[in-house]
Amino acid sequence: MEAAIRSRQVREHVWRLADIAGNRCYLVVGSERAALVDTMEGVGDLRSAVERITDLPVTVLLTHHHHDHVAGAYLFESAGISATDDGFWEQEESFNKRIQVQLSEKYDLPEGTFFSTERGARPQTWHVSEGMELDLGGERLRAVSLPGHTLGSMGYVVVGERVLLSGDAVTPCMTLFYDDSTSIAEWERTLERMAGLPVDAILTGHYDHEFSRADLASWRRLAQWAPTDPGMRWQNFSLPELRGCLHVMSPDGTDPDSPEFRALIEKSKPRVHRARRARRHRPDGDASSADGDADAGGASV
């Protein structure tokens, strides 16, 4: 299988690009320059894919520091990222190398498959902050702070198109389990902020589906419900050191790959003995029938 990057024009000024690993990034093209928001996992020649769409100078903007958003930036000289999310490059390079091996095995990629981190170099970074604007000629991007998935996560409003390029600020299975993820409460404040942005569509880092501001209500319900749910232990298949506590709000049988699925993974909680949990929830404090460990399930998702 070839590591091709597919592209599709989704607005007058906006193209969506996707790699074989299920990642998305967005190219916004004005009359004078273009902006590339995120750069995916680095499998396939992203720069060539961009140059097939435009020959204008390109500014790279990153929503956050994770490898599946920054690896393609190694084909460009510089990239904008929040100061808070800058400085994780060695960690993400290590993760990316492991993902390369897994992708090669999963898709039977030929020897010599193009991986950006092997062909290019770590980009010079400059820092993006709230309210910064980039004039592309006939279209503008405005940076907005969206803490949650990471503390320094940014989104980019395509002003004329009324579109928010949100990275991983919202995902059907929302991930807040990283060391630098925020609390659920702070993420809920980000959702409130997103609801007030002058946009009609939200384009994310892993789905072709376009979300709307109305969809934010379901994530707010998730943020309010998750703290009441005991959850279950969760472990990442690809990077097993990544663990957390999974809360699934969607009914049983809902396809977890569906845009309508709603779940949240937060940082792992301390294990609590079931007897102590029983006393916590029984008014009379009688826990004589409770025994064993409270572990809310041990399956990986």
Foldseek 3Di string as FASTA:
>chain_A
DAFDKDWDDDDPQKIWIATPVQWIWIWGAAPAAIEIEFAAQQFHQSVVVVVVVDPHHYAYEYQAQANRGCFNCQVDAEHEFAPQRPDCVVVRVVLSVLVVVVVCVVVVYDPPGGGSVVVGHRHHYDYDDAQDWDDNHPWMWGKHAQAACARRGIWIQGVVQQEIARELLDALAREQADPRGDQLVSSLVSLVVVLPRRHAWYHYTRDPDIDGNVVSVVVNVQSVCVVVDPFAKAADPSDRVRIFGKAWPDDPPPDSPDRNGHMYTHHHDDWDAQLVVVLVPDPVSDSPPGGDTDHRDDDYD
